[in-house]
Amino acid sequence: MGDPDQIRSLRSHFAGSFVFELGAVFTSASPESVSVALDMRPGLATPEGGTHAAVLTGLAICAGAALGKLHLAPGERASTFQSASNMMGSIHEGWLVATATPVHLGSKTLVIQSRVTEKANGRLLCCASQTLMRLAA
């Protein structure tokens, strides 16, 4: 589950942002990984009823941004300047889980990979990578 204080800190930091509007919930947080869960609902679906690709990408990027936040120095902030996603599937109902892990934690950039899976069976739905640029406050 990670550190409960880090989960509370991320919930507070992202309150009122896209993560909140999407309906995502932080479920675990540590410097090694951050997980965010989302209950699939009709408003997040394509006309055919499956998860919209923007939801999968958005959830992955939310998890990646949160992990990036845990690796910033006090007063530092970050901005995503590159993101790529590959879709492998969707669901009509149930929970999605995005788990972000670091690939590169440099002095100027952070590279994060996120995998979005179906909670019920672990089936991979989306794999995303994002590069965050470290910015001075």
Protein backbone atom coordinates (compact mmCIF):
# COMPACT_ATOMS: atom_id res chain seq x y z
CA MET A 1 0.00 0.00 0.00
CA GLY A 2 2.88 2.36 0.56
CA ASP A 3 3.07 5.22 2.98
CA PRO A 4 -0.35 6.49 4.19
CA ASP A 5 1.16 9.97 4.68
CA GLN A 6 2.24 10.05 1.03
CA ILE A 7 -1.25 8.97 -0.08
CA ARG A 8 -2.80 11.77 2.02
CA SER A 9 -0.29 14.26 0.64
CA LEU A 10 -1.08 13.27 -2.97
CA ARG A 11 -4.84 13.39 -2.34
CA SER A 12 -4.42 16.90 -0.93
CA HIS A 13 -2.10 18.07 -3.72
CA PHE A 14 -4.39 16.83 -6.51
CA ALA A 15 -7.70 17.85 -4.88
CA GLY A 16 -9.82 19.82 -7.34
CA SER A 17 -7.64 18.86 -10.32
CA PHE A 18 -8.26 16.52 -13.25
CA VAL A 19 -7.51 13.49 -11.04
CA PHE A 20 -10.39 14.54 -8.78
CA GLU A 21 -12.73 15.33 -11.69
CA LEU A 22 -12.00 11.98 -13.31
CA GLY A 23 -13.01 10.25 -10.09
CA ALA A 24 -9.67 8.57 -9.52
CA VAL A 25 -8.66 7.43 -6.04
CA PHE A 26 -5.08 7.05 -4.83
CA THR A 27 -4.70 3.51 -3.49
CA SER A 28 -0.95 3.25 -2.89
CA ALA A 29 2.04 5.56 -2.96
CA SER A 30 5.77 5.14 -2.49
CA PRO A 31 8.83 6.40 -4.37
CA GLU A 32 8.87 3.04 -6.20
CA SER A 33 5.26 3.18 -7.46
CA VAL A 34 1.93 4.97 -7.27
CA SER A 35 -1.42 3.32 -7.97
CA VAL A 36 -4.66 5.09 -8.80
CA ALA A 37 -8.03 3.32 -9.19
CA LEU A 38 -11.15 4.36 -11.08
CA ASP A 39 -14.61 2.81 -11.20
CA MET A 40 -15.75 2.58 -14.82
CA ARG A 41 -19.06 4.37 -15.40
CA PRO A 42 -21.16 5.16 -18.51
CA GLY A 43 -19.91 8.77 -18.77
CA LEU A 44 -16.38 7.46 -19.37
CA ALA A 45 -17.36 5.17 -22.23
CA THR A 46 -17.30 5.25 -26.00
CA PRO A 47 -20.66 5.04 -27.80
CA GLU A 48 -20.12 1.26 -27.85
CA GLY A 49 -19.78 1.18 -24.05
CA GLY A 50 -16.05 0.43 -23.64
CA THR A 51 -13.57 2.60 -21.78
CA HIS A 52 -12.65 5.69 -23.80
CA ALA A 53 -8.95 5.86 -24.71
CA ALA A 54 -8.75 9.35 -23.18
CA VAL A 55 -9.80 7.88 -19.83
CA LEU A 56 -7.12 5.19 -19.99
CA THR A 57 -4.46 7.73 -20.97
CA GLY A 58 -5.70 10.25 -18.41
CA LEU A 59 -5.62 7.72 -15.60
CA ALA A 60 -2.10 6.61 -16.59
CA ILE A 61 -0.85 10.20 -16.72
CA CYS A 62 -2.46 10.96 -13.34
CA ALA A 63 -0.56 8.07 -11.75
CA GLY A 64 2.66 9.19 -13.46
CA ALA A 65 2.26 12.80 -12.35
CA ALA A 66 1.71 11.66 -8.78
CA LEU A 67 4.82 9.50 -8.84
CA GLY A 68 6.77 12.40 -10.32
CA LYS A 69 5.54 14.63 -7.47
CA LEU A 70 7.10 12.23 -4.96
CA HIS A 71 10.50 12.71 -6.62
CA LEU A 72 10.56 16.51 -6.68
CA ALA A 73 12.69 18.61 -4.36
CA PRO A 74 10.89 21.07 -2.07
CA GLY A 75 9.69 24.03 -4.11
CA GLU A 76 10.28 22.23 -7.40
CA ARG A 77 7.46 21.44 -9.82
CA ALA A 78 7.18 19.41 -13.00
CA SER A 79 5.42 19.56 -16.34
CA THR A 80 4.76 16.71 -18.75
CA PHE A 81 6.28 17.55 -22.11
CA GLN A 82 6.00 14.14 -23.79
CA SER A 83 3.48 11.36 -23.45
CA ALA A 84 2.72 8.22 -25.46
CA SER A 85 0.04 5.61 -24.88
CA ASN A 86 -0.74 2.21 -26.38
CA MET A 87 -4.25 0.80 -25.97
CA MET A 88 -4.72 -2.95 -25.62
CA GLY A 89 -8.34 -3.18 -24.49
CA SER A 90 -11.22 -1.68 -22.56
CA ILE A 91 -13.90 -2.66 -20.08
CA HIS A 92 -17.61 -1.96 -19.83
CA GLU A 93 -17.80 -2.11 -16.03
CA GLY A 94 -15.54 -2.65 -13.04
CA TRP A 95 -12.44 -0.99 -11.71
CA LEU A 96 -9.39 0.26 -13.61
CA VAL A 97 -6.03 0.46 -11.84
CA ALA A 98 -3.11 2.55 -13.11
CA THR A 99 0.29 1.80 -11.60
CA ALA A 100 3.21 4.11 -12.33
CA THR A 101 6.87 3.18 -11.92
CA PRO A 102 10.01 5.23 -12.57
CA VAL A 103 12.17 4.53 -15.61
CA HIS A 104 14.61 7.45 -15.24
CA LEU A 105 14.95 9.93 -12.36
CA GLY A 106 17.38 12.52 -13.68
CA SER A 107 18.32 16.00 -12.58
CA LYS A 108 16.40 17.61 -15.47
CA THR A 109 13.80 15.01 -16.45
CA LEU A 110 11.75 12.18 -15.00
CA VAL A 111 10.55 9.33 -17.21
CA ILE A 112 7.62 7.33 -15.87
CA GLN A 113 5.85 4.26 -17.21
CA SER A 114 2.25 3.50 -16.25
CA ARG A 115 0.23 0.36 -16.84
CA VAL A 116 -3.56 0.45 -16.67
CA THR A 117 -5.12 -2.90 -15.87
CA GLU A 118 -8.54 -4.33 -15.14
CA LYS A 119 -8.64 -4.82 -11.36
CA ALA A 120 -10.70 -8.01 -11.52
CA ASN A 121 -8.21 -10.04 -13.57
CA GLY A 122 -5.10 -7.92 -14.12
CA ARG A 123 -5.63 -7.76 -17.90
CA LEU A 124 -3.48 -5.00 -19.45
CA LEU A 125 -5.57 -2.27 -21.08
CA CYS A 126 -3.06 0.55 -21.63
CA CYS A 127 0.66 1.14 -21.35
CA ALA A 128 1.80 4.76 -21.23
CA SER A 129 5.09 6.58 -20.85
CA GLN A 130 5.57 10.21 -19.98
CA THR A 131 8.53 12.51 -19.64
CA LEU A 132 8.30 15.24 -17.04
CA MET A 133 10.59 18.26 -17.01
CA ARG A 134 11.75 19.49 -13.59
CA LEU A 135 10.98 23.20 -13.14
CA ALA A 136 12.09 25.65 -10.48
CA ALA A 137 9.29 27.07 -8.38
